[in-house]
Amino acid sequence: MNSFQKLLSDSFLWIEGGTAIVALLHLSGLKRQYWRFFIYFLILVFICEAIGKWGGAYISFSKTKYYNYFVIPFQFIFFYWLYAFKSFNNKKLFWTLSLLYLLSFIPSEFYFRGSKIIFSFNYTFGSFILMVLVVMEYYKQITSSDIINFNRNRMFYVNLGVTLFYIGTLPFWTFYYLLVEYKQIWNIYFDYFLISGILMYVLFSISFIWGKQNS
């Protein structure tokens, strides 16, 4: 990691924390709305990231297992809930997608472990599910009668942030082992990973500041 990437990495974490603070400041106005769970989510994600960054100095643990089996599944399942359960009001879709994602750990462990092509099958599959939900959300917003007021739709900013980060970096994490052989391309994509993560959390902050969705 070069000095620029180190700066971006540190900024990524602190902007995550700043977003959690911005969200927390809006908690009182959202206590009766499901968006309060998004606030709790942002706070927990920041805590998880802080543990991942500094926890090793106090306790010994595998960061790979910590992220692969706890942090990332927590994030994916929350977004499945936010999109399928809440935005689309489809409980069955949420439970189906969550189950499919959890089942993807089976081939990931038994068939793709040690693969030099796909870096993490369960992450790739989870991101693909999220990509489908993102496209569905864009379609919902485009066909909405309230499209003219898209800038007041909190989900618009969330969806854009998820698109830039999770969907935009899907090829990077899927073909990580292949890209690492081409250092210049890898560095460009890693820069994008960090920058898109920062932009995603900025958009999450904007969703609370500008978003006026009352649902």
N, C-alpha and C. Protein backbone atom coordinates (compact mmCIF):
# COMPACT_ATOMS: atom_id res chain seq x y z
N MET A 1 0.85 -1.19 0.00
CA MET A 1 0.00 0.00 0.00
C MET A 1 0.89 1.24 0.00
N ASN A 2 0.72 2.08 -1.03
CA ASN A 2 1.53 3.30 -1.09
C ASN A 2 0.95 4.39 -0.18
N SER A 3 1.63 5.53 -0.13
CA SER A 3 1.22 6.60 0.79
C SER A 3 -0.16 7.15 0.46
N PHE A 4 -0.48 7.24 -0.83
CA PHE A 4 -1.80 7.73 -1.23
C PHE A 4 -2.89 6.76 -0.78
N GLN A 5 -2.66 5.47 -0.97
CA GLN A 5 -3.62 4.45 -0.56
C GLN A 5 -3.76 4.41 0.96
N LYS A 6 -2.65 4.64 1.66
CA LYS A 6 -2.70 4.68 3.13
C LYS A 6 -3.58 5.84 3.58
N LEU A 7 -3.43 7.00 2.93
CA LEU A 7 -4.25 8.16 3.25
C LEU A 7 -5.72 7.87 2.98
N LEU A 8 -6.01 7.26 1.84
CA LEU A 8 -7.38 6.91 1.51
C LEU A 8 -7.96 5.90 2.50
N SER A 9 -7.16 4.91 2.88
CA SER A 9 -7.61 3.89 3.82
C SER A 9 -7.97 4.49 5.17
N ASP A 10 -7.12 5.38 5.65
CA ASP A 10 -7.40 6.05 6.94
C ASP A 10 -8.62 6.95 6.82
N SER A 11 -8.73 7.66 5.70
CA SER A 11 -9.88 8.55 5.48
C SER A 11 -11.17 7.75 5.41
N PHE A 12 -11.09 6.59 4.77
CA PHE A 12 -12.25 5.69 4.64
C PHE A 12 -12.82 5.39 6.02
N LEU A 13 -11.96 5.00 6.95
CA LEU A 13 -12.42 4.64 8.29
C LEU A 13 -13.03 5.82 9.02
N TRP A 14 -12.37 6.97 8.95
CA TRP A 14 -12.86 8.13 9.69
C TRP A 14 -14.13 8.70 9.09
N ILE A 15 -14.28 8.59 7.78
CA ILE A 15 -15.53 9.03 7.15
C ILE A 15 -16.66 8.08 7.53
N GLU A 16 -16.35 6.79 7.67
CA GLU A 16 -17.33 5.84 8.20
C GLU A 16 -17.82 6.30 9.57
N GLY A 17 -16.86 6.68 10.43
CA GLY A 17 -17.22 7.16 11.76
C GLY A 17 -18.02 8.44 11.70
N GLY A 18 -17.63 9.35 10.79
CA GLY A 18 -18.36 10.60 10.64
C GLY A 18 -19.78 10.37 10.18
N THR A 19 -19.96 9.41 9.28
CA THR A 19 -21.30 9.07 8.79
C THR A 19 -22.16 8.50 9.92
N ALA A 20 -21.54 7.68 10.77
CA ALA A 20 -22.27 7.12 11.91
C ALA A 20 -22.73 8.24 12.85
N ILE A 21 -21.90 9.26 13.02
CA ILE A 21 -22.26 10.39 13.88
C ILE A 21 -23.40 11.20 13.26
N VAL A 22 -23.30 11.47 11.95
CA VAL A 22 -24.36 12.20 11.24
C VAL A 22 -25.67 11.44 11.37
N ALA A 23 -25.62 10.13 11.16
CA ALA A 23 -26.82 9.30 11.27
C ALA A 23 -27.41 9.36 12.67
N LEU A 24 -26.53 9.27 13.66
CA LEU A 24 -26.98 9.28 15.06
C LEU A 24 -27.68 10.59 15.42
N LEU A 25 -27.24 11.68 14.83
CA LEU A 25 -27.85 12.98 15.08
C LEU A 25 -29.28 13.05 14.56
N HIS A 26 -29.62 12.15 13.64
CA HIS A 26 -30.98 12.12 13.06
C HIS A 26 -31.85 11.03 13.67
N LEU A 27 -31.32 10.37 14.69
CA LEU A 27 -32.06 9.23 15.28
C LEU A 27 -33.40 9.65 15.87
N SER A 28 -33.43 10.78 16.56
CA SER A 28 -34.66 11.19 17.23
C SER A 28 -35.81 11.39 16.24
N GLY A 29 -35.50 11.85 15.03
CA GLY A 29 -36.55 12.08 14.04
C GLY A 29 -36.97 10.82 13.29
N LEU A 30 -36.23 9.73 13.50
CA LEU A 30 -36.52 8.50 12.77
C LEU A 30 -36.86 7.33 13.68
N LYS A 31 -37.14 7.61 14.94
CA LYS A 31 -37.38 6.53 15.90
C LYS A 31 -38.59 5.67 15.55
N ARG A 32 -39.54 6.24 14.83
CA ARG A 32 -40.74 5.48 14.46
C ARG A 32 -40.66 4.93 13.04
N GLN A 33 -39.50 5.10 12.40
CA GLN A 33 -39.33 4.63 11.04
C GLN A 33 -38.29 3.51 10.99
N TYR A 34 -38.36 2.67 9.97
CA TYR A 34 -37.40 1.57 9.86
C TYR A 34 -35.99 2.08 9.58
N TRP A 35 -35.86 3.34 9.17
CA TRP A 35 -34.53 3.89 8.90
C TRP A 35 -33.66 3.97 10.14
N ARG A 36 -34.29 3.86 11.31
CA ARG A 36 -33.47 3.87 12.52
C ARG A 36 -32.52 2.67 12.54
N PHE A 37 -32.93 1.58 11.90
CA PHE A 37 -32.06 0.40 11.85
C PHE A 37 -30.86 0.63 10.95
N PHE A 38 -31.01 1.51 9.97
CA PHE A 38 -29.87 1.88 9.13
C PHE A 38 -28.85 2.64 9.96
N ILE A 39 -29.33 3.45 10.88
CA ILE A 39 -28.44 4.17 11.79
C ILE A 39 -27.67 3.19 12.66
N TYR A 40 -28.37 2.22 13.25
CA TYR A 40 -27.70 1.21 14.07
C TYR A 40 -26.69 0.43 13.24
N PHE A 41 -27.06 0.14 12.00
CA PHE A 41 -26.18 -0.59 11.10
C PHE A 41 -24.88 0.17 10.87
N LEU A 42 -24.98 1.46 10.58
CA LEU A 42 -23.79 2.27 10.32
C LEU A 42 -22.88 2.34 11.54
N ILE A 43 -23.47 2.42 12.71
CA ILE A 43 -22.68 2.47 13.94
C ILE A 43 -21.96 1.14 14.15
N LEU A 44 -22.68 0.03 13.95
CA LEU A 44 -22.08 -1.29 14.14
C LEU A 44 -20.99 -1.57 13.11
N VAL A 45 -21.19 -1.13 11.87
CA VAL A 45 -20.17 -1.33 10.84
C VAL A 45 -18.90 -0.58 11.20
N PHE A 46 -19.04 0.64 11.69
CA PHE A 46 -17.86 1.40 12.09
C PHE A 46 -17.13 0.71 13.23
N ILE A 47 -17.88 0.21 14.20
CA ILE A 47 -17.26 -0.51 15.32
C ILE A 47 -16.53 -1.75 14.81
N CYS A 48 -17.16 -2.48 13.90
CA CYS A 48 -16.54 -3.68 13.32
C CYS A 48 -15.25 -3.33 12.58
N GLU A 49 -15.28 -2.23 11.82
CA GLU A 49 -14.10 -1.83 11.07
C GLU A 49 -12.99 -1.38 12.02
N ALA A 50 -13.36 -0.70 13.09
CA ALA A 50 -12.37 -0.26 14.08
C ALA A 50 -11.71 -1.47 14.75
N ILE A 51 -12.52 -2.48 15.05
CA ILE A 51 -11.97 -3.72 15.63
C ILE A 51 -11.03 -4.39 14.63
N GLY A 52 -11.44 -4.42 13.36
CA GLY A 52 -10.60 -5.01 12.33
C GLY A 52 -9.27 -4.30 12.17
N LYS A 53 -9.27 -2.98 12.36
CA LYS A 53 -8.05 -2.19 12.17
C LYS A 53 -7.15 -2.21 13.40
N TRP A 54 -7.74 -2.09 14.59
CA TRP A 54 -6.93 -1.96 15.80
C TRP A 54 -7.06 -3.12 16.79
N GLY A 55 -8.05 -3.98 16.57
CA GLY A 55 -8.29 -5.05 17.54
C GLY A 55 -7.15 -6.03 17.68
N GLY A 56 -6.38 -6.20 16.60
CA GLY A 56 -5.26 -7.15 16.64
C GLY A 56 -4.20 -6.80 17.65
N ALA A 57 -4.17 -5.54 18.06
CA ALA A 57 -3.17 -5.12 19.06
C ALA A 57 -3.54 -5.59 20.46
N TYR A 58 -4.80 -6.01 20.64
CA TYR A 58 -5.28 -6.41 21.96
C TYR A 58 -5.66 -7.89 22.04
N ILE A 59 -6.21 -8.42 20.94
CA ILE A 59 -6.58 -9.83 20.92
C ILE A 59 -6.12 -10.45 19.60
N SER A 60 -5.83 -11.74 19.64
CA SER A 60 -5.39 -12.43 18.44
C SER A 60 -6.58 -13.05 17.72
N PHE A 61 -6.76 -12.71 16.46
CA PHE A 61 -7.86 -13.28 15.68
C PHE A 61 -7.51 -13.20 14.20
N SER A 62 -8.17 -14.04 13.41
CA SER A 62 -7.96 -14.05 11.97
C SER A 62 -8.85 -12.99 11.33
N LYS A 63 -8.24 -11.97 10.76
CA LYS A 63 -9.02 -10.92 10.11
C LYS A 63 -9.79 -11.46 8.92
N THR A 64 -9.20 -12.43 8.21
CA THR A 64 -9.88 -13.01 7.05
C THR A 64 -11.19 -13.68 7.47
N LYS A 65 -11.15 -14.49 8.52
CA LYS A 65 -12.35 -15.17 9.00
C LYS A 65 -13.33 -14.16 9.61
N TYR A 66 -12.80 -13.18 10.30
CA TYR A 66 -13.64 -12.15 10.94
C TYR A 66 -14.49 -11.44 9.89
N TYR A 67 -13.87 -11.05 8.77
CA TYR A 67 -14.61 -10.35 7.73
C TYR A 67 -15.47 -11.30 6.90
N ASN A 68 -14.92 -12.46 6.56
CA ASN A 68 -15.63 -13.39 5.68
C ASN A 68 -16.84 -14.03 6.32
N TYR A 69 -16.76 -14.30 7.63
CA TYR A 69 -17.85 -15.02 8.29
C TYR A 69 -18.72 -14.16 9.20
N PHE A 70 -18.34 -12.91 9.40
CA PHE A 70 -19.16 -12.06 10.27
C PHE A 70 -19.46 -10.69 9.65
N VAL A 71 -18.43 -9.89 9.40
CA VAL A 71 -18.65 -8.50 8.97
C VAL A 71 -19.35 -8.43 7.62
N ILE A 72 -18.83 -9.13 6.62
CA ILE A 72 -19.42 -9.08 5.28
C ILE A 72 -20.82 -9.69 5.22
N PRO A 73 -21.04 -10.90 5.82
CA PRO A 73 -22.41 -11.43 5.84
C PRO A 73 -23.40 -10.50 6.53
N PHE A 74 -22.96 -9.86 7.61
CA PHE A 74 -23.82 -8.91 8.32
C PHE A 74 -24.24 -7.77 7.39
N GLN A 75 -23.30 -7.26 6.61
CA GLN A 75 -23.60 -6.15 5.69
C GLN A 75 -24.52 -6.60 4.57
N PHE A 76 -24.24 -7.73 3.96
CA PHE A 76 -25.07 -8.21 2.87
C PHE A 76 -26.51 -8.46 3.33
N ILE A 77 -26.66 -9.18 4.43
CA ILE A 77 -28.01 -9.53 4.89
C ILE A 77 -28.79 -8.27 5.29
N PHE A 78 -28.09 -7.29 5.86
CA PHE A 78 -28.79 -6.05 6.19
C PHE A 78 -29.32 -5.39 4.91
N PHE A 79 -28.48 -5.31 3.89
CA PHE A 79 -28.92 -4.67 2.64
C PHE A 79 -30.03 -5.47 1.96
N TYR A 80 -30.00 -6.80 2.05
CA TYR A 80 -31.10 -7.60 1.51
C TYR A 80 -32.39 -7.22 2.24
N TRP A 81 -32.29 -7.04 3.53
CA TRP A 81 -33.46 -6.65 4.34
C TRP A 81 -33.96 -5.26 3.94
N LEU A 82 -33.02 -4.32 3.78
CA LEU A 82 -33.39 -2.95 3.44
C LEU A 82 -34.07 -2.88 2.07
N TYR A 83 -33.53 -3.60 1.10
CA TYR A 83 -34.09 -3.59 -0.25
C TYR A 83 -35.35 -4.44 -0.35
N ALA A 84 -35.19 -5.75 -0.10
CA ALA A 84 -36.29 -6.68 -0.35
C ALA A 84 -37.43 -6.52 0.66
N PHE A 85 -37.08 -6.52 1.94
CA PHE A 85 -38.10 -6.50 2.99
C PHE A 85 -38.78 -5.14 3.08
N LYS A 86 -37.98 -4.06 3.04
CA LYS A 86 -38.54 -2.73 3.28
C LYS A 86 -38.87 -1.95 2.00
N SER A 87 -37.90 -1.81 1.10
CA SER A 87 -38.17 -1.02 -0.10
C SER A 87 -39.19 -1.70 -1.01
N PHE A 88 -39.06 -3.05 -1.18
CA PHE A 88 -39.98 -3.78 -2.06
C PHE A 88 -41.14 -4.42 -1.31
N ASN A 89 -41.08 -4.34 0.03
CA ASN A 89 -42.14 -4.91 0.87
C ASN A 89 -42.40 -6.38 0.53
N ASN A 90 -41.30 -7.13 0.39
CA ASN A 90 -41.41 -8.53 -0.01
C ASN A 90 -40.60 -9.39 0.97
N LYS A 91 -41.26 -9.87 2.01
CA LYS A 91 -40.58 -10.66 3.04
C LYS A 91 -40.04 -11.97 2.46
N LYS A 92 -40.82 -12.58 1.59
CA LYS A 92 -40.41 -13.85 1.01
C LYS A 92 -39.12 -13.69 0.22
N LEU A 93 -39.01 -12.60 -0.52
CA LEU A 93 -37.81 -12.34 -1.30
C LEU A 93 -36.60 -12.18 -0.39
N PHE A 94 -36.79 -11.48 0.70
CA PHE A 94 -35.69 -11.29 1.66
C PHE A 94 -35.19 -12.62 2.20
N TRP A 95 -36.10 -13.45 2.68
CA TRP A 95 -35.70 -14.73 3.27
C TRP A 95 -35.09 -15.66 2.22
N THR A 96 -35.62 -15.62 1.01
CA THR A 96 -35.09 -16.47 -0.06
C THR A 96 -33.67 -16.07 -0.42
N LEU A 97 -33.45 -14.78 -0.62
CA LEU A 97 -32.12 -14.30 -0.99
C LEU A 97 -31.11 -14.51 0.13
N SER A 98 -31.54 -14.28 1.36
CA SER A 98 -30.64 -14.49 2.50
C SER A 98 -30.23 -15.95 2.61
N LEU A 99 -31.20 -16.86 2.41
CA LEU A 99 -30.91 -18.29 2.47
C LEU A 99 -29.96 -18.69 1.35
N LEU A 100 -30.21 -18.20 0.14
CA LEU A 100 -29.34 -18.52 -0.99
C LEU A 100 -27.91 -18.03 -0.73
N TYR A 101 -27.81 -16.83 -0.16
CA TYR A 101 -26.48 -16.30 0.15
C TYR A 101 -25.76 -17.17 1.17
N LEU A 102 -26.45 -17.55 2.24
CA LEU A 102 -25.84 -18.39 3.27
C LEU A 102 -25.45 -19.76 2.71
N LEU A 103 -26.27 -20.29 1.81
CA LEU A 103 -25.96 -21.58 1.20
C LEU A 103 -24.73 -21.49 0.29
N SER A 104 -24.43 -20.28 -0.20
CA SER A 104 -23.28 -20.12 -1.08
C SER A 104 -21.95 -20.38 -0.35
N PHE A 105 -22.00 -20.40 0.97
CA PHE A 105 -20.79 -20.69 1.73
C PHE A 105 -20.38 -22.16 1.56
N ILE A 106 -21.35 -23.01 1.22
CA ILE A 106 -21.04 -24.44 1.05
C ILE A 106 -20.12 -24.67 -0.14
N PRO A 107 -20.50 -24.24 -1.36
CA PRO A 107 -19.55 -24.41 -2.47
C PRO A 107 -18.28 -23.59 -2.28
N SER A 108 -18.41 -22.44 -1.59
CA SER A 108 -17.23 -21.62 -1.34
C SER A 108 -16.18 -22.37 -0.53
N GLU A 109 -16.65 -23.15 0.46
CA GLU A 109 -15.74 -23.88 1.33
C GLU A 109 -15.24 -25.16 0.70
N PHE A 110 -16.10 -25.85 -0.06
CA PHE A 110 -15.75 -27.18 -0.55
C PHE A 110 -15.24 -27.23 -1.99
N TYR A 111 -15.61 -26.22 -2.80
CA TYR A 111 -15.24 -26.27 -4.21
C TYR A 111 -14.35 -25.12 -4.66
N PHE A 112 -14.44 -23.98 -4.00
CA PHE A 112 -13.69 -22.82 -4.45
C PHE A 112 -12.55 -22.43 -3.52
N ARG A 113 -12.38 -23.14 -2.41
CA ARG A 113 -11.28 -22.82 -1.50
C ARG A 113 -9.96 -23.12 -2.23
N GLY A 114 -9.09 -22.13 -2.23
CA GLY A 114 -7.82 -22.30 -2.91
C GLY A 114 -7.87 -22.00 -4.39
N SER A 115 -9.04 -21.56 -4.88
CA SER A 115 -9.16 -21.24 -6.30
C SER A 115 -8.29 -20.04 -6.64
N LYS A 116 -7.63 -20.12 -7.77
CA LYS A 116 -6.77 -19.02 -8.22
C LYS A 116 -7.47 -18.13 -9.23
N ILE A 117 -8.76 -18.38 -9.43
CA ILE A 117 -9.54 -17.56 -10.36
C ILE A 117 -10.54 -16.70 -9.60
N ILE A 118 -11.43 -17.34 -8.85
CA ILE A 118 -12.42 -16.62 -8.05
C ILE A 118 -11.90 -16.46 -6.63
N PHE A 119 -11.73 -15.23 -6.20
CA PHE A 119 -11.14 -14.95 -4.89
C PHE A 119 -12.04 -15.45 -3.75
N SER A 120 -13.33 -15.13 -3.82
CA SER A 120 -14.28 -15.55 -2.79
C SER A 120 -15.63 -15.76 -3.43
N PHE A 121 -16.05 -17.01 -3.58
CA PHE A 121 -17.31 -17.30 -4.26
C PHE A 121 -18.50 -16.73 -3.51
N ASN A 122 -18.52 -16.88 -2.17
CA ASN A 122 -19.68 -16.40 -1.42
C ASN A 122 -19.79 -14.87 -1.48
N TYR A 123 -18.64 -14.17 -1.52
CA TYR A 123 -18.68 -12.72 -1.67
C TYR A 123 -19.19 -12.34 -3.06
N THR A 124 -18.70 -13.04 -4.07
CA THR A 124 -19.13 -12.79 -5.44
C THR A 124 -20.63 -13.03 -5.59
N PHE A 125 -21.10 -14.14 -5.04
CA PHE A 125 -22.52 -14.47 -5.13
C PHE A 125 -23.36 -13.46 -4.35
N GLY A 126 -22.90 -13.08 -3.17
CA GLY A 126 -23.61 -12.10 -2.36
C GLY A 126 -23.71 -10.75 -3.06
N SER A 127 -22.62 -10.35 -3.72
CA SER A 127 -22.62 -9.09 -4.46
C SER A 127 -23.53 -9.16 -5.67
N PHE A 128 -23.57 -10.33 -6.31
CA PHE A 128 -24.45 -10.50 -7.47
C PHE A 128 -25.92 -10.34 -7.05
N ILE A 129 -26.29 -10.93 -5.92
CA ILE A 129 -27.65 -10.77 -5.39
C ILE A 129 -27.94 -9.29 -5.15
N LEU A 130 -26.97 -8.61 -4.54
CA LEU A 130 -27.14 -7.19 -4.24
C LEU A 130 -27.27 -6.39 -5.53
N MET A 131 -26.54 -6.77 -6.56
CA MET A 131 -26.62 -6.08 -7.84
C MET A 131 -28.03 -6.19 -8.43
N VAL A 132 -28.63 -7.36 -8.33
CA VAL A 132 -30.00 -7.56 -8.82
C VAL A 132 -30.96 -6.64 -8.06
N LEU A 133 -30.79 -6.55 -6.75
CA LEU A 133 -31.65 -5.68 -5.94
C LEU A 133 -31.45 -4.21 -6.30
N VAL A 134 -30.21 -3.84 -6.57
CA VAL A 134 -29.90 -2.45 -6.95
C VAL A 134 -30.60 -2.10 -8.26
N VAL A 135 -30.54 -2.99 -9.24
CA VAL A 135 -31.21 -2.75 -10.52
C VAL A 135 -32.72 -2.64 -10.32
N MET A 136 -33.28 -3.51 -9.49
CA MET A 136 -34.71 -3.46 -9.20
C MET A 136 -35.09 -2.13 -8.55
N GLU A 137 -34.22 -1.65 -7.67
CA GLU A 137 -34.48 -0.38 -6.99
C GLU A 137 -34.42 0.78 -7.97
N TYR A 138 -33.46 0.77 -8.89
CA TYR A 138 -33.41 1.81 -9.91
C TYR A 138 -34.68 1.81 -10.76
N TYR A 139 -35.13 0.61 -11.12
CA TYR A 139 -36.36 0.51 -11.91
C TYR A 139 -37.55 1.06 -11.13
N LYS A 140 -37.61 0.74 -9.86
CA LYS A 140 -38.70 1.23 -9.01
C LYS A 140 -38.68 2.77 -8.95
N GLN A 141 -37.48 3.34 -8.80
CA GLN A 141 -37.37 4.79 -8.70
C GLN A 141 -37.70 5.47 -10.03
N ILE A 142 -37.23 4.89 -11.13
CA ILE A 142 -37.46 5.48 -12.45
C ILE A 142 -38.94 5.48 -12.83
N THR A 143 -39.64 4.42 -12.44
CA THR A 143 -41.05 4.29 -12.79
C THR A 143 -41.98 4.91 -11.75
N SER A 144 -41.40 5.48 -10.70
CA SER A 144 -42.22 6.10 -9.65
C SER A 144 -42.84 7.40 -10.14
N SER A 145 -44.05 7.67 -9.68
CA SER A 145 -44.72 8.92 -10.04
C SER A 145 -44.05 10.11 -9.36
N ASP A 146 -43.22 9.82 -8.34
CA ASP A 146 -42.55 10.88 -7.59
C ASP A 146 -41.09 11.04 -8.02
N ILE A 147 -40.77 10.62 -9.25
CA ILE A 147 -39.39 10.64 -9.72
C ILE A 147 -38.82 12.06 -9.75
N ILE A 148 -39.69 13.05 -9.94
CA ILE A 148 -39.22 14.43 -10.00
C ILE A 148 -38.60 14.87 -8.67
N ASN A 149 -38.98 14.20 -7.59
CA ASN A 149 -38.45 14.53 -6.26
C ASN A 149 -37.43 13.49 -5.80
N PHE A 150 -36.68 12.93 -6.76
CA PHE A 150 -35.72 11.88 -6.43
C PHE A 150 -34.69 12.35 -5.40
N ASN A 151 -34.35 13.64 -5.40
CA ASN A 151 -33.32 14.15 -4.50
C ASN A 151 -33.78 14.15 -3.05
N ARG A 152 -35.07 13.91 -2.81
CA ARG A 152 -35.58 13.83 -1.44
C ARG A 152 -35.81 12.38 -1.01
N ASN A 153 -35.48 11.47 -1.91
CA ASN A 153 -35.67 10.04 -1.63
C ASN A 153 -34.40 9.49 -1.00
N ARG A 154 -34.46 9.15 0.27
CA ARG A 154 -33.28 8.65 0.98
C ARG A 154 -32.70 7.42 0.30
N MET A 155 -33.56 6.57 -0.25
CA MET A 155 -33.09 5.34 -0.86
C MET A 155 -32.30 5.62 -2.14
N PHE A 156 -32.53 6.75 -2.77
CA PHE A 156 -31.77 7.10 -3.97
C PHE A 156 -30.28 7.19 -3.65
N TYR A 157 -29.95 7.87 -2.56
CA TYR A 157 -28.55 8.06 -2.18
C TYR A 157 -27.93 6.74 -1.70
N VAL A 158 -28.71 5.97 -0.98
CA VAL A 158 -28.22 4.67 -0.52
C VAL A 158 -27.92 3.77 -1.72
N ASN A 159 -28.84 3.74 -2.67
CA ASN A 159 -28.68 2.88 -3.84
C ASN A 159 -27.48 3.31 -4.69
N LEU A 160 -27.29 4.61 -4.83
CA LEU A 160 -26.15 5.11 -5.60
C LEU A 160 -24.83 4.74 -4.91
N GLY A 161 -24.80 4.87 -3.59
CA GLY A 161 -23.60 4.52 -2.84
C GLY A 161 -23.27 3.04 -2.94
N VAL A 162 -24.29 2.20 -2.82
CA VAL A 162 -24.10 0.75 -2.95
C VAL A 162 -23.63 0.40 -4.35
N THR A 163 -24.16 1.09 -5.36
CA THR A 163 -23.74 0.85 -6.74
C THR A 163 -22.26 1.13 -6.92
N LEU A 164 -21.81 2.28 -6.44
CA LEU A 164 -20.41 2.68 -6.61
C LEU A 164 -19.46 1.73 -5.90
N PHE A 165 -19.83 1.31 -4.69
CA PHE A 165 -18.89 0.52 -3.88
C PHE A 165 -19.04 -0.99 -4.10
N TYR A 166 -20.16 -1.54 -3.71
CA TYR A 166 -20.32 -3.00 -3.78
C TYR A 166 -20.36 -3.53 -5.21
N ILE A 167 -21.11 -2.86 -6.07
CA ILE A 167 -21.23 -3.33 -7.45
C ILE A 167 -20.01 -2.93 -8.26
N GLY A 168 -19.53 -1.72 -8.04
CA GLY A 168 -18.37 -1.24 -8.78
C GLY A 168 -17.10 -2.03 -8.51
N THR A 169 -16.97 -2.57 -7.31
CA THR A 169 -15.76 -3.32 -6.96
C THR A 169 -15.94 -4.83 -7.08
N LEU A 170 -17.09 -5.27 -7.57
CA LEU A 170 -17.34 -6.71 -7.71
C LEU A 170 -16.28 -7.40 -8.58
N PRO A 171 -15.92 -6.86 -9.75
CA PRO A 171 -14.87 -7.53 -10.55
C PRO A 171 -13.52 -7.58 -9.83
N PHE A 172 -13.23 -6.54 -9.04
CA PHE A 172 -11.96 -6.48 -8.32
C PHE A 172 -11.82 -7.63 -7.33
N TRP A 173 -12.87 -7.85 -6.53
CA TRP A 173 -12.79 -8.90 -5.52
C TRP A 173 -13.03 -10.28 -6.10
N THR A 174 -13.79 -10.35 -7.18
CA THR A 174 -14.02 -11.65 -7.82
C THR A 174 -12.75 -12.19 -8.46
N PHE A 175 -12.05 -11.30 -9.21
CA PHE A 175 -10.86 -11.74 -9.94
C PHE A 175 -9.58 -11.18 -9.32
N TYR A 176 -9.58 -11.09 -8.00
CA TYR A 176 -8.45 -10.52 -7.26
C TYR A 176 -7.14 -11.21 -7.59
N TYR A 177 -7.15 -12.54 -7.60
CA TYR A 177 -5.93 -13.30 -7.84
C TYR A 177 -5.39 -13.08 -9.26
N LEU A 178 -6.28 -12.85 -10.21
CA LEU A 178 -5.84 -12.59 -11.57
C LEU A 178 -5.29 -11.17 -11.70
N LEU A 179 -5.97 -10.20 -11.07
CA LEU A 179 -5.57 -8.81 -11.18
C LEU A 179 -4.26 -8.53 -10.46
N VAL A 180 -3.99 -9.26 -9.38
CA VAL A 180 -2.78 -9.00 -8.60
C VAL A 180 -1.52 -9.28 -9.42
N GLU A 181 -1.67 -10.04 -10.50
CA GLU A 181 -0.53 -10.31 -11.38
C GLU A 181 -0.19 -9.08 -12.23
N TYR A 182 -1.14 -8.16 -12.33
CA TYR A 182 -0.94 -6.94 -13.11
C TYR A 182 -1.00 -5.76 -12.14
N LYS A 183 0.14 -5.44 -11.56
CA LYS A 183 0.21 -4.51 -10.43
C LYS A 183 -0.39 -3.15 -10.74
N GLN A 184 -0.16 -2.63 -11.93
CA GLN A 184 -0.67 -1.30 -12.26
C GLN A 184 -2.20 -1.29 -12.28
N ILE A 185 -2.80 -2.30 -12.91
CA ILE A 185 -4.26 -2.41 -12.94
C ILE A 185 -4.80 -2.62 -11.54
N TRP A 186 -4.12 -3.49 -10.77
CA TRP A 186 -4.55 -3.76 -9.39
C TRP A 186 -4.56 -2.48 -8.56
N ASN A 187 -3.52 -1.67 -8.68
CA ASN A 187 -3.43 -0.43 -7.91
C ASN A 187 -4.54 0.54 -8.30
N ILE A 188 -4.84 0.62 -9.59
CA ILE A 188 -5.92 1.51 -10.04
C ILE A 188 -7.25 1.07 -9.45
N TYR A 189 -7.49 -0.24 -9.49
CA TYR A 189 -8.76 -0.75 -8.97
C TYR A 189 -8.82 -0.64 -7.45
N PHE A 190 -7.68 -0.84 -6.78
CA PHE A 190 -7.66 -0.69 -5.32
C PHE A 190 -7.92 0.76 -4.92
N ASP A 191 -7.36 1.70 -5.70
CA ASP A 191 -7.65 3.12 -5.47
C ASP A 191 -9.15 3.36 -5.61
N TYR A 192 -9.75 2.77 -6.66
CA TYR A 192 -11.19 2.93 -6.85
C TYR A 192 -11.98 2.35 -5.68
N PHE A 193 -11.54 1.19 -5.20
CA PHE A 193 -12.20 0.55 -4.05
C PHE A 193 -12.24 1.51 -2.86
N LEU A 194 -11.12 2.15 -2.56
CA LEU A 194 -11.06 3.07 -1.41
C LEU A 194 -11.87 4.34 -1.66
N ILE A 195 -11.72 4.91 -2.86
CA ILE A 195 -12.44 6.15 -3.19
C ILE A 195 -13.95 5.92 -3.23
N SER A 196 -14.37 4.81 -3.84
CA SER A 196 -15.81 4.52 -3.91
C SER A 196 -16.39 4.25 -2.53
N GLY A 197 -15.59 3.65 -1.64
CA GLY A 197 -16.05 3.44 -0.27
C GLY A 197 -16.28 4.76 0.44
N ILE A 198 -15.36 5.69 0.25
CA ILE A 198 -15.50 7.02 0.84
C ILE A 198 -16.75 7.72 0.28
N LEU A 199 -16.92 7.65 -1.04
CA LEU A 199 -18.08 8.28 -1.68
C LEU A 199 -19.39 7.65 -1.19
N MET A 200 -19.38 6.33 -0.99
CA MET A 200 -20.59 5.66 -0.51
C MET A 200 -21.01 6.21 0.85
N TYR A 201 -20.06 6.36 1.76
CA TYR A 201 -20.43 6.85 3.08
C TYR A 201 -20.79 8.34 3.07
N VAL A 202 -20.19 9.09 2.16
CA VAL A 202 -20.61 10.49 1.98
C VAL A 202 -22.06 10.53 1.52
N LEU A 203 -22.41 9.66 0.57
CA LEU A 203 -23.80 9.59 0.09
C LEU A 203 -24.75 9.14 1.18
N PHE A 204 -24.29 8.22 2.04
CA PHE A 204 -25.12 7.80 3.17
C PHE A 204 -25.39 8.98 4.10
N SER A 205 -24.36 9.81 4.32
CA SER A 205 -24.55 11.00 5.15
C SER A 205 -25.55 11.96 4.50
N ILE A 206 -25.40 12.15 3.19
CA ILE A 206 -26.32 13.03 2.45
C ILE A 206 -27.75 12.51 2.53
N SER A 207 -27.91 11.19 2.55
CA SER A 207 -29.25 10.62 2.61
C SER A 207 -29.99 11.05 3.87
N PHE A 208 -29.25 11.28 4.94
CA PHE A 208 -29.89 11.75 6.18
C PHE A 208 -30.10 13.25 6.16
N ILE A 209 -29.17 13.97 5.53
CA ILE A 209 -29.26 15.43 5.52
C ILE A 209 -30.31 15.94 4.53
N TRP A 210 -30.34 15.34 3.33
CA TRP A 210 -31.27 15.79 2.29
C TRP A 210 -32.49 14.91 2.12
N GLY A 211 -32.35 13.64 2.46
CA GLY A 211 -33.47 12.72 2.28
C GLY A 211 -34.63 13.04 3.20
N LYS A 212 -35.81 13.09 2.65
CA LYS A 212 -37.01 13.44 3.43
C LYS A 212 -38.06 12.34 3.37
N GLN A 213 -37.60 11.12 3.07
CA GLN A 213 -38.55 10.02 2.89
C GLN A 213 -39.24 9.70 4.22
N ASN A 214 -40.54 9.66 4.20
CA ASN A 214 -41.30 9.44 5.44
C ASN A 214 -41.96 8.07 5.43
N SER A 215 -41.15 7.02 5.33
CA SER A 215 -41.70 5.67 5.32
C SER A 215 -40.82 4.76 6.11
